[in-house]
Structures are given as C-alpha cells and as structure tokens.
Amino acid sequence: MKPIKNSQFVFIDSDDGIKKIFLREKYFDFVCILITDYYEKEIKENDFYKYFVDLLNNLDDDSGVFFIEHQMPPYFALGIIENKIPEDSFKYDEKMKNISTNFRSKNNLKSFVVDYNMLT
C-alpha cells in the first residue's frame, strides 16, 4: 500500500485564482526514484520520511504546495537518506537530468502542478 492517501490535491492558486491539481503521488514517486536510482540508496521509513509523507498527505491550501515545490525533490530525497533536514546541496548533473527526463516522459508530465481543467 502506498503511503500517499490521495494521488491528487485540488486547490485554488492564490496568485491567479485558478483551480489546480498538485500530483502529490507522482511527486512522492519521483522523490523515491531519486533515492533509489540517483543516490542509489534504499528508502528508509525514518522520521524525515514520515515528515515528508505527512506533508504531502495533509495539504490544506496552495501554501503547502508552494512550500513543497520550493524545496524541490532532491531536497526531500536527501532528507530521507540522511534522516534530517539536508545540509548537502545537490548537483543537477547529467544523471539527474536523465532520470528527470525519463520520469517526465514516462508519466507525460511537464509539472507536478497542472490546471484542473486539463485533467478533468
């Protein structure tokens, strides 16, 4: 069973007033792929992992989505690996680029946030 309770979070973007969808399950999947394929580590259900899952599952409005997107997937991947707020920076190298491109292509994604009318 996946830890993400709903694959999508619907919200109103406070910047433009448009109804949007945050693809939280896809975001979670991408972070997991970074852990296993980029960093070549096992996914451990530690405290930071639980924090990340709770963050995704308990979104209330667009500010939570903006917070998650601001941090970027490698931040959460490193946090889970280190079981703490990451101090290391990440490099967007060729390997990261290939993993990202393959994930986006496989999932037909341009962004983890999409216009509500595009998916409904």
PDB file of N, CA and C in Angstrom:
ATOM      1  N   MET A   1       0.835  -1.187   0.000  1.00  0.00           N
ATOM      2  CA  MET A   1       0.000   0.000   0.000  1.00  0.00           C
ATOM      3  C   MET A   1       0.881   1.252   0.000  1.00  0.00           C
ATOM      4  N   LYS A   2       0.546   2.176  -0.862  1.00  0.00           N
ATOM      5  CA  LYS A   2       1.302   3.428  -0.928  1.00  0.00           C
ATOM      6  C   LYS A   2       0.922   4.319   0.252  1.00  0.00           C
ATOM      7  N   PRO A   3       1.862   5.078   0.763  1.00  0.00           N
ATOM      8  CA  PRO A   3       1.581   5.936   1.913  1.00  0.00           C
ATOM      9  C   PRO A   3       0.818   7.216   1.577  1.00  0.00           C
ATOM     10  N   ILE A   4       0.686   7.536   0.307  1.00  0.00           N
ATOM     11  CA  ILE A   4       0.001   8.767  -0.092  1.00  0.00           C
ATOM     12  C   ILE A   4      -1.488   8.463  -0.203  1.00  0.00           C
ATOM     13  N   LYS A   5      -2.304   9.190   0.583  1.00  0.00           N
ATOM     14  CA  LYS A   5      -3.718   8.833   0.690  1.00  0.00           C
ATOM     15  C   LYS A   5      -4.545   9.199  -0.528  1.00  0.00           C
ATOM     16  N   ASN A   6      -4.242  10.247  -1.211  1.00  0.00           N
ATOM     17  CA  ASN A   6      -4.928  10.636  -2.438  1.00  0.00           C
ATOM     18  C   ASN A   6      -3.880  11.058  -3.448  1.00  0.00           C
ATOM     19  N   SER A   7      -4.016  10.578  -4.670  1.00  0.00           N
ATOM     20  CA  SER A   7      -2.973  10.851  -5.653  1.00  0.00           C
ATOM     21  C   SER A   7      -2.909  12.328  -6.049  1.00  0.00           C
ATOM     22  N   GLN A   8      -4.030  13.037  -5.896  1.00  0.00           N
ATOM     23  CA  GLN A   8      -4.078  14.438  -6.321  1.00  0.00           C
ATOM     24  C   GLN A   8      -4.616  15.319  -5.204  1.00  0.00           C
ATOM     25  N   PHE A   9      -4.125  16.550  -5.164  1.00  0.00           N
ATOM     26  CA  PHE A   9      -4.641  17.555  -4.232  1.00  0.00           C
ATOM     27  C   PHE A   9      -5.145  18.735  -5.062  1.00  0.00           C
ATOM     28  N   VAL A  10      -6.437  19.014  -4.967  1.00  0.00           N
ATOM     29  CA  VAL A  10      -7.053  20.113  -5.714  1.00  0.00           C
ATOM     30  C   VAL A  10      -7.015  21.363  -4.836  1.00  0.00           C
ATOM     31  N   PHE A  11      -6.610  22.478  -5.432  1.00  0.00           N
ATOM     32  CA  PHE A  11      -6.519  23.737  -4.688  1.00  0.00           C
ATOM     33  C   PHE A  11      -6.760  24.919  -5.623  1.00  0.00           C
ATOM     34  N   ILE A  12      -7.012  26.065  -5.024  1.00  0.00           N
ATOM     35  CA  ILE A  12      -7.127  27.320  -5.770  1.00  0.00           C
ATOM     36  C   ILE A  12      -5.814  28.072  -5.578  1.00  0.00           C
ATOM     37  N   ASP A  13      -5.158  28.384  -6.666  1.00  0.00           N
ATOM     38  CA  ASP A  13      -3.902  29.122  -6.630  1.00  0.00           C
ATOM     39  C   ASP A  13      -4.202  30.561  -6.219  1.00  0.00           C
ATOM     40  N   SER A  14      -3.656  30.976  -5.081  1.00  0.00           N
ATOM     41  CA  SER A  14      -3.939  32.318  -4.571  1.00  0.00           C
ATOM     42  C   SER A  14      -3.304  33.414  -5.428  1.00  0.00           C
ATOM     43  N   ASP A  15      -2.329  33.063  -6.260  1.00  0.00           N
ATOM     44  CA  ASP A  15      -1.701  34.057  -7.124  1.00  0.00           C
ATOM     45  C   ASP A  15      -2.580  34.427  -8.314  1.00  0.00           C
ATOM     46  N   ASP A  16      -3.216  33.414  -8.920  1.00  0.00           N
ATOM     47  CA  ASP A  16      -4.004  33.696 -10.125  1.00  0.00           C
ATOM     48  C   ASP A  16      -5.481  33.296 -10.025  1.00  0.00           C
ATOM     49  N   GLY A  17      -5.881  32.699  -8.892  1.00  0.00           N
ATOM     50  CA  GLY A  17      -7.276  32.326  -8.685  1.00  0.00           C
ATOM     51  C   GLY A  17      -7.737  31.118  -9.497  1.00  0.00           C
ATOM     52  N   ILE A  18      -6.814  30.424 -10.125  1.00  0.00           N
ATOM     53  CA  ILE A  18      -7.161  29.284 -10.979  1.00  0.00           C
ATOM     54  C   ILE A  18      -7.126  27.991 -10.164  1.00  0.00           C
ATOM     55  N   LYS A  19      -8.116  27.146 -10.401  1.00  0.00           N
ATOM     56  CA  LYS A  19      -8.178  25.832  -9.756  1.00  0.00           C
ATOM     57  C   LYS A  19      -7.112  24.935 -10.382  1.00  0.00           C
ATOM     58  N   LYS A  20      -6.300  24.310  -9.518  1.00  0.00           N
ATOM     59  CA  LYS A  20      -5.189  23.492  -9.993  1.00  0.00           C
ATOM     60  C   LYS A  20      -5.134  22.177  -9.224  1.00  0.00           C
ATOM     61  N   ILE A  21      -4.319  21.276  -9.728  1.00  0.00           N
ATOM     62  CA  ILE A  21      -4.122  19.978  -9.102  1.00  0.00           C
ATOM     63  C   ILE A  21      -2.625  19.769  -8.871  1.00  0.00           C
ATOM     64  N   PHE A  22      -2.283  19.413  -7.644  1.00  0.00           N
ATOM     65  CA  PHE A  22      -0.916  19.016  -7.326  1.00  0.00           C
ATOM     66  C   PHE A  22      -0.885  17.489  -7.366  1.00  0.00           C
ATOM     67  N   LEU A  23      -0.032  16.945  -8.196  1.00  0.00           N
ATOM     68  CA  LEU A  23       0.082  15.494  -8.372  1.00  0.00           C
ATOM     69  C   LEU A  23       1.014  14.939  -7.299  1.00  0.00           C
ATOM     70  N   ARG A  24       0.492  14.867  -6.087  1.00  0.00           N
ATOM     71  CA  ARG A  24       1.340  14.515  -4.952  1.00  0.00           C
ATOM     72  C   ARG A  24       1.871  13.094  -4.996  1.00  0.00           C
ATOM     73  N   GLU A  25       1.113  12.157  -5.523  1.00  0.00           N
ATOM     74  CA  GLU A  25       1.620  10.793  -5.617  1.00  0.00           C
ATOM     75  C   GLU A  25       2.772  10.711  -6.627  1.00  0.00           C
ATOM     76  N   LYS A  26       2.661  11.432  -7.728  1.00  0.00           N
ATOM     77  CA  LYS A  26       3.754  11.474  -8.714  1.00  0.00           C
ATOM     78  C   LYS A  26       4.994  12.124  -8.097  1.00  0.00           C
ATOM     79  N   TYR A  27       4.773  13.181  -7.299  1.00  0.00           N
ATOM     80  CA  TYR A  27       5.887  13.847  -6.626  1.00  0.00           C
ATOM     81  C   TYR A  27       6.586  12.868  -5.682  1.00  0.00           C
ATOM     82  N   PHE A  28       5.789  12.137  -4.904  1.00  0.00           N
ATOM     83  CA  PHE A  28       6.323  11.133  -3.992  1.00  0.00           C
ATOM     84  C   PHE A  28       7.107  10.079  -4.772  1.00  0.00           C
ATOM     85  N   ASP A  29       6.531   9.586  -5.862  1.00  0.00           N
ATOM     86  CA  ASP A  29       7.193   8.574  -6.688  1.00  0.00           C
ATOM     87  C   ASP A  29       8.534   9.089  -7.213  1.00  0.00           C
ATOM     88  N   PHE A  30       8.563  10.351  -7.636  1.00  0.00           N
ATOM     89  CA  PHE A  30       9.800  10.907  -8.174  1.00  0.00           C
ATOM     90  C   PHE A  30      10.880  11.006  -7.099  1.00  0.00           C
ATOM     91  N   VAL A  31      10.500  11.436  -5.903  1.00  0.00           N
ATOM     92  CA  VAL A  31      11.465  11.504  -4.800  1.00  0.00           C
ATOM     93  C   VAL A  31      12.022  10.108  -4.514  1.00  0.00           C
ATOM     94  N   CYS A  32      11.164   9.110  -4.525  1.00  0.00           N
ATOM     95  CA  CYS A  32      11.613   7.727  -4.290  1.00  0.00           C
ATOM     96  C   CYS A  32      12.562   7.253  -5.386  1.00  0.00           C
ATOM     97  N   ILE A  33      12.275   7.615  -6.615  1.00  0.00           N
ATOM     98  CA  ILE A  33      13.166   7.248  -7.724  1.00  0.00           C
ATOM     99  C   ILE A  33      14.530   7.928  -7.579  1.00  0.00           C
ATOM    100  N   LEU A  34      14.532   9.164  -7.118  1.00  0.00           N
ATOM    101  CA  LEU A  34      15.815   9.835  -6.889  1.00  0.00           C
ATOM    102  C   LEU A  34      16.627   9.091  -5.828  1.00  0.00           C
ATOM    103  N   ILE A  35      15.961   8.652  -4.778  1.00  0.00           N
ATOM    104  CA  ILE A  35      16.667   7.931  -3.715  1.00  0.00           C
ATOM    105  C   ILE A  35      17.289   6.647  -4.270  1.00  0.00           C
ATOM    106  N   THR A  36      16.489   5.865  -4.999  1.00  0.00           N
ATOM    107  CA  THR A  36      16.966   4.550  -5.447  1.00  0.00           C
ATOM    108  C   THR A  36      17.842   4.612  -6.690  1.00  0.00           C
ATOM    109  N   ASP A  37      17.507   5.478  -7.635  1.00  0.00           N
ATOM    110  CA  ASP A  37      18.211   5.477  -8.920  1.00  0.00           C
ATOM    111  C   ASP A  37      19.342   6.515  -9.001  1.00  0.00           C
ATOM    112  N   TYR A  38      19.140   7.666  -8.393  1.00  0.00           N
ATOM    113  CA  TYR A  38      20.185   8.686  -8.456  1.00  0.00           C
ATOM    114  C   TYR A  38      21.203   8.497  -7.322  1.00  0.00           C
ATOM    115  N   TYR A  39      20.688   8.473  -6.094  1.00  0.00           N
ATOM    116  CA  TYR A  39      21.585   8.337  -4.942  1.00  0.00           C
ATOM    117  C   TYR A  39      21.955   6.883  -4.657  1.00  0.00           C
ATOM    118  N   GLU A  40      21.231   5.957  -5.289  1.00  0.00           N
ATOM    119  CA  GLU A  40      21.477   4.520  -5.151  1.00  0.00           C
ATOM    120  C   GLU A  40      21.461   4.077  -3.689  1.00  0.00           C
ATOM    121  N   LYS A  41      20.416   4.496  -2.996  1.00  0.00           N
ATOM    122  CA  LYS A  41      20.203   4.149  -1.585  1.00  0.00           C
ATOM    123  C   LYS A  41      18.846   3.476  -1.446  1.00  0.00           C
ATOM    124  N   GLU A  42      18.649   2.805  -0.321  1.00  0.00           N
ATOM    125  CA  GLU A  42      17.352   2.226  -0.015  1.00  0.00           C
ATOM    126  C   GLU A  42      16.452   3.294   0.604  1.00  0.00           C
ATOM    127  N   ILE A  43      15.163   3.139   0.380  1.00  0.00           N
ATOM    128  CA  ILE A  43      14.198   4.043   1.005  1.00  0.00           C
ATOM    129  C   ILE A  43      13.936   3.537   2.412  1.00  0.00           C
ATOM    130  N   LYS A  44      14.216   4.381   3.375  1.00  0.00           N
ATOM    131  CA  LYS A  44      14.011   4.018   4.778  1.00  0.00           C
ATOM    132  C   LYS A  44      12.867   4.851   5.335  1.00  0.00           C
ATOM    133  N   GLU A  45      11.947   4.184   5.989  1.00  0.00           N
ATOM    134  CA  GLU A  45      10.794   4.875   6.576  1.00  0.00           C
ATOM    135  C   GLU A  45      11.182   5.443   7.938  1.00  0.00           C
ATOM    136  N   ASN A  46      12.055   6.430   7.906  1.00  0.00           N
ATOM    137  CA  ASN A  46      12.550   7.080   9.116  1.00  0.00           C
ATOM    138  C   ASN A  46      11.707   8.319   9.442  1.00  0.00           C
ATOM    139  N   ASP A  47      12.167   9.119  10.387  1.00  0.00           N
ATOM    140  CA  ASP A  47      11.399  10.300  10.815  1.00  0.00           C
ATOM    141  C   ASP A  47      11.219  11.312   9.686  1.00  0.00           C
ATOM    142  N   PHE A  48      12.269  11.532   8.886  1.00  0.00           N
ATOM    143  CA  PHE A  48      12.136  12.505   7.804  1.00  0.00           C
ATOM    144  C   PHE A  48      11.196  11.985   6.725  1.00  0.00           C
ATOM    145  N   TYR A  49      11.241  10.706   6.453  1.00  0.00           N
ATOM    146  CA  TYR A  49      10.299  10.085   5.511  1.00  0.00           C
ATOM    147  C   TYR A  49       8.867  10.319   5.991  1.00  0.00           C
ATOM    148  N   LYS A  50       8.618  10.079   7.276  1.00  0.00           N
ATOM    149  CA  LYS A  50       7.271  10.284   7.845  1.00  0.00           C
ATOM    150  C   LYS A  50       6.864  11.750   7.750  1.00  0.00           C
ATOM    151  N   TYR A  51       7.805  12.653   8.012  1.00  0.00           N
ATOM    152  CA  TYR A  51       7.541  14.089   7.876  1.00  0.00           C
ATOM    153  C   TYR A  51       7.126  14.421   6.437  1.00  0.00           C
ATOM    154  N   PHE A  52       7.855  13.886   5.473  1.00  0.00           N
ATOM    155  CA  PHE A  52       7.570  14.130   4.061  1.00  0.00           C
ATOM    156  C   PHE A  52       6.197  13.586   3.670  1.00  0.00           C
ATOM    157  N   VAL A  53       5.894  12.365   4.069  1.00  0.00           N
ATOM    158  CA  VAL A  53       4.595  11.760   3.764  1.00  0.00           C
ATOM    159  C   VAL A  53       3.469  12.566   4.416  1.00  0.00           C
ATOM    160  N   ASP A  54       3.655  12.970   5.681  1.00  0.00           N
ATOM    161  CA  ASP A  54       2.640  13.794   6.361  1.00  0.00           C
ATOM    162  C   ASP A  54       2.444  15.126   5.649  1.00  0.00           C
ATOM    163  N   LEU A  55       3.530  15.709   5.204  1.00  0.00           N
ATOM    164  CA  LEU A  55       3.461  16.974   4.474  1.00  0.00           C
ATOM    165  C   LEU A  55       2.605  16.820   3.216  1.00  0.00           C
ATOM    166  N   LEU A  56       2.838  15.756   2.462  1.00  0.00           N
ATOM    167  CA  LEU A  56       2.063  15.506   1.242  1.00  0.00           C
ATOM    168  C   LEU A  56       0.597  15.191   1.549  1.00  0.00           C
ATOM    169  N   ASN A  57       0.369  14.406   2.583  1.00  0.00           N
ATOM    170  CA  ASN A  57      -0.994  13.962   2.890  1.00  0.00           C
ATOM    171  C   ASN A  57      -1.850  15.019   3.572  1.00  0.00           C
ATOM    172  N   ASN A  58      -1.243  15.995   4.188  1.00  0.00           N
ATOM    173  CA  ASN A  58      -2.000  16.960   4.993  1.00  0.00           C
ATOM    174  C   ASN A  58      -1.986  18.373   4.432  1.00  0.00           C
ATOM    175  N   LEU A  59      -2.000  18.480   3.125  1.00  0.00           N
ATOM    176  CA  LEU A  59      -2.054  19.803   2.489  1.00  0.00           C
ATOM    177  C   LEU A  59      -3.415  20.436   2.747  1.00  0.00           C
ATOM    178  N   ASP A  60      -3.409  21.722   3.046  1.00  0.00           N
ATOM    179  CA  ASP A  60      -4.657  22.459   3.285  1.00  0.00           C
ATOM    180  C   ASP A  60      -4.964  23.450   2.170  1.00  0.00           C
ATOM    181  N   ASP A  61      -3.915  24.029   1.613  1.00  0.00           N
ATOM    182  CA  ASP A  61      -4.112  25.062   0.595  1.00  0.00           C
ATOM    183  C   ASP A  61      -2.855  25.178  -0.254  1.00  0.00           C
ATOM    184  N   ASP A  62      -2.830  26.189  -1.080  1.00  0.00           N
ATOM    185  CA  ASP A  62      -1.708  26.335  -2.010  1.00  0.00           C
ATOM    186  C   ASP A  62      -0.378  26.631  -1.328  1.00  0.00           C
ATOM    187  N   SER A  63      -0.391  27.177  -0.121  1.00  0.00           N
ATOM    188  CA  SER A  63       0.880  27.484   0.543  1.00  0.00           C
ATOM    189  C   SER A  63       1.676  26.210   0.812  1.00  0.00           C
ATOM    190  N   GLY A  64       1.013  25.109   1.136  1.00  0.00           N
ATOM    191  CA  GLY A  64       1.702  23.838   1.323  1.00  0.00           C
ATOM    192  C   GLY A  64       2.309  23.324   0.029  1.00  0.00           C
ATOM    193  N   VAL A  65       1.568  23.476  -1.057  1.00  0.00           N
ATOM    194  CA  VAL A  65       2.070  23.057  -2.366  1.00  0.00           C
ATOM    195  C   VAL A  65       3.284  23.900  -2.742  1.00  0.00           C
ATOM    196  N   PHE A  66       3.188  25.216  -2.533  1.00  0.00           N
ATOM    197  CA  PHE A  66       4.301  26.100  -2.870  1.00  0.00           C
ATOM    198  C   PHE A  66       5.538  25.767  -2.028  1.00  0.00           C
ATOM    199  N   PHE A  67       5.332  25.420  -0.750  1.00  0.00           N
ATOM    200  CA  PHE A  67       6.454  25.047   0.112  1.00  0.00           C
ATOM    201  C   PHE A  67       7.147  23.800  -0.440  1.00  0.00           C
ATOM    202  N   ILE A  68       6.359  22.782  -0.777  1.00  0.00           N
ATOM    203  CA  ILE A  68       6.920  21.535  -1.302  1.00  0.00           C
ATOM    204  C   ILE A  68       7.666  21.787  -2.606  1.00  0.00           C
ATOM    205  N   GLU A  69       7.053  22.531  -3.501  1.00  0.00           N
ATOM    206  CA  GLU A  69       7.700  22.800  -4.792  1.00  0.00           C
ATOM    207  C   GLU A  69       8.962  23.645  -4.634  1.00  0.00           C
ATOM    208  N   HIS A  70       8.969  24.551  -3.663  1.00  0.00           N
ATOM    209  CA  HIS A  70      10.138  25.404  -3.438  1.00  0.00           C
ATOM    210  C   HIS A  70      11.340  24.565  -2.997  1.00  0.00           C
ATOM    211  N   GLN A  71      11.113  23.545  -2.198  1.00  0.00           N
ATOM    212  CA  GLN A  71      12.209  22.721  -1.680  1.00  0.00           C
ATOM    213  C   GLN A  71      12.822  21.832  -2.747  1.00  0.00           C
ATOM    214  N   MET A  72      12.049  21.383  -3.700  1.00  0.00           N
ATOM    215  CA  MET A  72      12.483  20.536  -4.812  1.00  0.00           C
ATOM    216  C   MET A  72      12.702  19.082  -4.374  1.00  0.00           C
ATOM    217  N   PRO A  73      12.447  18.138  -5.275  1.00  0.00           N
ATOM    218  CA  PRO A  73      12.552  16.712  -4.946  1.00  0.00           C
ATOM    219  C   PRO A  73      13.902  16.255  -4.385  1.00  0.00           C
ATOM    220  N   PRO A  74      15.042  16.727  -4.898  1.00  0.00           N
ATOM    221  CA  PRO A  74      16.309  16.266  -4.312  1.00  0.00           C
ATOM    222  C   PRO A  74      16.456  16.628  -2.831  1.00  0.00           C
ATOM    223  N   TYR A  75      15.868  17.742  -2.412  1.00  0.00           N
ATOM    224  CA  TYR A  75      15.895  18.134  -1.004  1.00  0.00           C
ATOM    225  C   TYR A  75      15.241  17.055  -0.146  1.00  0.00           C
ATOM    226  N   PHE A  76      14.057  16.612  -0.566  1.00  0.00           N
ATOM    227  CA  PHE A  76      13.349  15.593   0.201  1.00  0.00           C
ATOM    228  C   PHE A  76      14.053  14.243   0.101  1.00  0.00           C
ATOM    229  N   ALA A  77      14.614  13.923  -1.054  1.00  0.00           N
ATOM    230  CA  ALA A  77      15.350  12.665  -1.203  1.00  0.00           C
ATOM    231  C   ALA A  77      16.551  12.637  -0.251  1.00  0.00           C
ATOM    232  N   LEU A  78      17.323  13.705  -0.233  1.00  0.00           N
ATOM    233  CA  LEU A  78      18.471  13.776   0.681  1.00  0.00           C
ATOM    234  C   LEU A  78      18.028  13.732   2.136  1.00  0.00           C
ATOM    235  N   GLY A  79      16.925  14.408   2.448  1.00  0.00           N
ATOM    236  CA  GLY A  79      16.408  14.403   3.813  1.00  0.00           C
ATOM    237  C   GLY A  79      16.051  13.006   4.282  1.00  0.00           C
ATOM    238  N   ILE A  80      15.441  12.233   3.410  1.00  0.00           N
ATOM    239  CA  ILE A  80      15.081  10.853   3.757  1.00  0.00           C
ATOM    240  C   ILE A  80      16.349  10.015   3.922  1.00  0.00           C
ATOM    241  N   ILE A  81      17.301  10.177   3.035  1.00  0.00           N
ATOM    242  CA  ILE A  81      18.557   9.420   3.130  1.00  0.00           C
ATOM    243  C   ILE A  81      19.285   9.748   4.435  1.00  0.00           C
ATOM    244  N   GLU A  82      19.355  11.042   4.774  1.00  0.00           N
ATOM    245  CA  GLU A  82      20.109  11.489   5.952  1.00  0.00           C
ATOM    246  C   GLU A  82      19.270  11.486   7.234  1.00  0.00           C
ATOM    247  N   ASN A  83      17.949  11.338   7.091  1.00  0.00           N
ATOM    248  CA  ASN A  83      17.005  11.391   8.206  1.00  0.00           C
ATOM    249  C   ASN A  83      17.122  12.706   8.987  1.00  0.00           C
ATOM    250  N   LYS A  84      17.273  13.784   8.244  1.00  0.00           N
ATOM    251  CA  LYS A  84      17.337  15.122   8.848  1.00  0.00           C
ATOM    252  C   LYS A  84      17.193  16.155   7.734  1.00  0.00           C
ATOM    253  N   ILE A  85      17.021  17.388   8.122  1.00  0.00           N
ATOM    254  CA  ILE A  85      16.985  18.466   7.136  1.00  0.00           C
ATOM    255  C   ILE A  85      18.332  18.475   6.436  1.00  0.00           C
ATOM    256  N   PRO A  86      18.330  18.345   5.124  1.00  0.00           N
ATOM    257  CA  PRO A  86      19.607  18.214   4.414  1.00  0.00           C
ATOM    258  C   PRO A  86      20.472  19.461   4.494  1.00  0.00           C
ATOM    259  N   GLU A  87      21.743  19.219   4.702  1.00  0.00           N
ATOM    260  CA  GLU A  87      22.724  20.301   4.686  1.00  0.00           C
ATOM    261  C   GLU A  87      23.511  20.271   3.385  1.00  0.00           C
ATOM    262  N   ASP A  88      23.521  19.109   2.748  1.00  0.00           N
ATOM    263  CA  ASP A  88      24.238  18.957   1.481  1.00  0.00           C
ATOM    264  C   ASP A  88      23.427  19.581   0.353  1.00  0.00           C
ATOM    265  N   SER A  89      24.128  20.122  -0.596  1.00  0.00           N
ATOM    266  CA  SER A  89      23.456  20.617  -1.787  1.00  0.00           C
ATOM    267  C   SER A  89      23.437  19.484  -2.812  1.00  0.00           C
ATOM    268  N   PHE A  90      22.663  19.662  -3.834  1.00  0.00           N
ATOM    269  CA  PHE A  90      22.623  18.635  -4.856  1.00  0.00           C
ATOM    270  C   PHE A  90      23.099  19.233  -6.168  1.00  0.00           C
ATOM    271  N   LYS A  91      23.569  18.348  -7.023  1.00  0.00           N
ATOM    272  CA  LYS A  91      24.028  18.768  -8.337  1.00  0.00           C
ATOM    273  C   LYS A  91      23.008  18.313  -9.375  1.00  0.00           C
ATOM    274  N   TYR A  92      22.662  19.186 -10.264  1.00  0.00           N
ATOM    275  CA  TYR A  92      21.791  18.805 -11.375  1.00  0.00           C
ATOM    276  C   TYR A  92      22.705  18.392 -12.520  1.00  0.00           C
ATOM    277  N   ASP A  93      23.232  17.178 -12.395  1.00  0.00           N
ATOM    278  CA  ASP A  93      24.176  16.682 -13.385  1.00  0.00           C
ATOM    279  C   ASP A  93      23.453  15.880 -14.469  1.00  0.00           C
ATOM    280  N   GLU A  94      24.230  15.269 -15.330  1.00  0.00           N
ATOM    281  CA  GLU A  94      23.665  14.519 -16.461  1.00  0.00           C
ATOM    282  C   GLU A  94      22.805  13.345 -15.987  1.00  0.00           C
ATOM    283  N   LYS A  95      23.238  12.672 -14.941  1.00  0.00           N
ATOM    284  CA  LYS A  95      22.465  11.544 -14.404  1.00  0.00           C
ATOM    285  C   LYS A  95      21.112  12.020 -13.880  1.00  0.00           C
ATOM    286  N   MET A  96      21.113  13.117 -13.121  1.00  0.00           N
ATOM    287  CA  MET A  96      19.856  13.689 -12.592  1.00  0.00           C
ATOM    288  C   MET A  96      18.964  14.125 -13.757  1.00  0.00           C
ATOM    289  N   LYS A  97      19.562  14.744 -14.751  1.00  0.00           N
ATOM    290  CA  LYS A  97      18.805  15.195 -15.918  1.00  0.00           C
ATOM    291  C   LYS A  97      18.147  14.012 -16.628  1.00  0.00           C
ATOM    292  N   ASN A  98      18.878  12.930 -16.822  1.00  0.00           N
ATOM    293  CA  ASN A  98      18.319  11.751 -17.494  1.00  0.00           C
ATOM    294  C   ASN A  98      17.188  11.115 -16.688  1.00  0.00           C
ATOM    295  N   ILE A  99      17.370  10.992 -15.384  1.00  0.00           N
ATOM    296  CA  ILE A  99      16.318  10.423 -14.532  1.00  0.00           C
ATOM    297  C   ILE A  99      15.074  11.305 -14.581  1.00  0.00           C
ATOM    298  N   SER A 100      15.258  12.611 -14.483  1.00  0.00           N
ATOM    299  CA  SER A 100      14.136  13.555 -14.531  1.00  0.00           C
ATOM    300  C   SER A 100      13.413  13.499 -15.874  1.00  0.00           C
ATOM    301  N   THR A 101      14.182  13.506 -16.939  1.00  0.00           N
ATOM    302  CA  THR A 101      13.598  13.467 -18.284  1.00  0.00           C
ATOM    303  C   THR A 101      12.828  12.171 -18.505  1.00  0.00           C
ATOM    304  N   ASN A 102      13.404  11.049 -18.102  1.00  0.00           N
ATOM    305  CA  ASN A 102      12.723   9.763 -18.254  1.00  0.00           C
ATOM    306  C   ASN A 102      11.441   9.704 -17.444  1.00  0.00           C
ATOM    307  N   PHE A 103      11.472  10.229 -16.217  1.00  0.00           N
ATOM    308  CA  PHE A 103      10.279  10.220 -15.373  1.00  0.00           C
ATOM    309  C   PHE A 103       9.175  11.080 -15.989  1.00  0.00           C
ATOM    310  N   ARG A 104       9.546  12.278 -16.420  1.00  0.00           N
ATOM    311  CA  ARG A 104       8.554  13.183 -17.038  1.00  0.00           C
ATOM    312  C   ARG A 104       7.974  12.565 -18.297  1.00  0.00           C
ATOM    313  N   SER A 105       8.826  11.966 -19.114  1.00  0.00           N
ATOM    314  CA  SER A 105       8.372  11.360 -20.354  1.00  0.00           C
ATOM    315  C   SER A 105       7.449  10.163 -20.091  1.00  0.00           C
ATOM    316  N   LYS A 106       7.865   9.292 -19.204  1.00  0.00           N
ATOM    317  CA  LYS A 106       7.078   8.097 -18.867  1.00  0.00           C
ATOM    318  C   LYS A 106       5.707   8.463 -18.298  1.00  0.00           C
ATOM    319  N   ASN A 107       5.646   9.549 -17.540  1.00  0.00           N
ATOM    320  CA  ASN A 107       4.407   9.968 -16.884  1.00  0.00           C
ATOM    321  C   ASN A 107       3.687  11.104 -17.606  1.00  0.00           C
ATOM    322  N   ASN A 108       4.216  11.479 -18.766  1.00  0.00           N
ATOM    323  CA  ASN A 108       3.625  12.561 -19.555  1.00  0.00           C
ATOM    324  C   ASN A 108       3.429  13.827 -18.710  1.00  0.00           C
ATOM    325  N   LEU A 109       4.483  14.236 -18.028  1.00  0.00           N
ATOM    326  CA  LEU A 109       4.435  15.380 -17.109  1.00  0.00           C
ATOM    327  C   LEU A 109       5.286  16.533 -17.594  1.00  0.00           C
ATOM    328  N   LYS A 110       4.776  17.722 -17.407  1.00  0.00           N
ATOM    329  CA  LYS A 110       5.582  18.922 -17.575  1.00  0.00           C
ATOM    330  C   LYS A 110       5.818  19.563 -16.212  1.00  0.00           C
ATOM    331  N   SER A 111       4.882  19.302 -15.286  1.00  0.00           N
ATOM    332  CA  SER A 111       4.934  19.881 -13.952  1.00  0.00           C
ATOM    333  C   SER A 111       4.132  18.991 -13.003  1.00  0.00           C
ATOM    334  N   PHE A 112       4.420  19.111 -11.718  1.00  0.00           N
ATOM    335  CA  PHE A 112       3.627  18.401 -10.720  1.00  0.00           C
ATOM    336  C   PHE A 112       2.364  19.173 -10.375  1.00  0.00           C
ATOM    337  N   VAL A 113       2.256  20.397 -10.852  1.00  0.00           N
ATOM    338  CA  VAL A 113       1.050  21.206 -10.687  1.00  0.00           C
ATOM    339  C   VAL A 113       0.464  21.447 -12.066  1.00  0.00           C
ATOM    340  N   VAL A 114      -0.794  21.063 -12.230  1.00  0.00           N
ATOM    341  CA  VAL A 114      -1.457  21.210 -13.523  1.00  0.00           C
ATOM    342  C   VAL A 114      -2.793  21.930 -13.352  1.00  0.00           C
ATOM    343  N   ASP A 115      -3.220  22.551 -14.415  1.00  0.00           N
ATOM    344  CA  ASP A 115      -4.515  23.217 -14.429  1.00  0.00           C
ATOM    345  C   ASP A 115      -5.606  22.160 -14.259  1.00  0.00           C
ATOM    346  N   TYR A 116      -6.561  22.413 -13.407  1.00  0.00           N
ATOM    347  CA  TYR A 116      -7.647  21.484 -13.104  1.00  0.00           C
ATOM    348  C   TYR A 116      -8.381  21.070 -14.377  1.00  0.00           C
ATOM    349  N   ASN A 117      -8.598  22.021 -15.265  1.00  0.00           N
ATOM    350  CA  ASN A 117      -9.346  21.742 -16.488  1.00  0.00           C
ATOM    351  C   ASN A 117      -8.588  20.838 -17.468  1.00  0.00           C
ATOM    352  N   MET A 118      -7.289  20.713 -17.290  1.00  0.00           N
ATOM    353  CA  MET A 118      -6.501  19.862 -18.179  1.00  0.00           C
ATOM    354  C   MET A 118      -6.702  18.373 -17.857  1.00  0.00           C
ATOM    355  N   LEU A 119      -7.013  18.056 -16.602  1.00  0.00           N
ATOM    356  CA  LEU A 119      -7.149  16.657 -16.176  1.00  0.00           C
ATOM    357  C   LEU A 119      -8.588  16.211 -15.977  1.00  0.00           C
ATOM    358  N   THR A 120      -9.519  17.151 -16.023  1.00  0.00           N
ATOM    359  CA  THR A 120     -10.921  16.764 -15.768  1.00  0.00           C
ATOM    360  C   THR A 120     -11.749  16.862 -17.030  1.00  0.00           C
TER     361      THR A 120
END
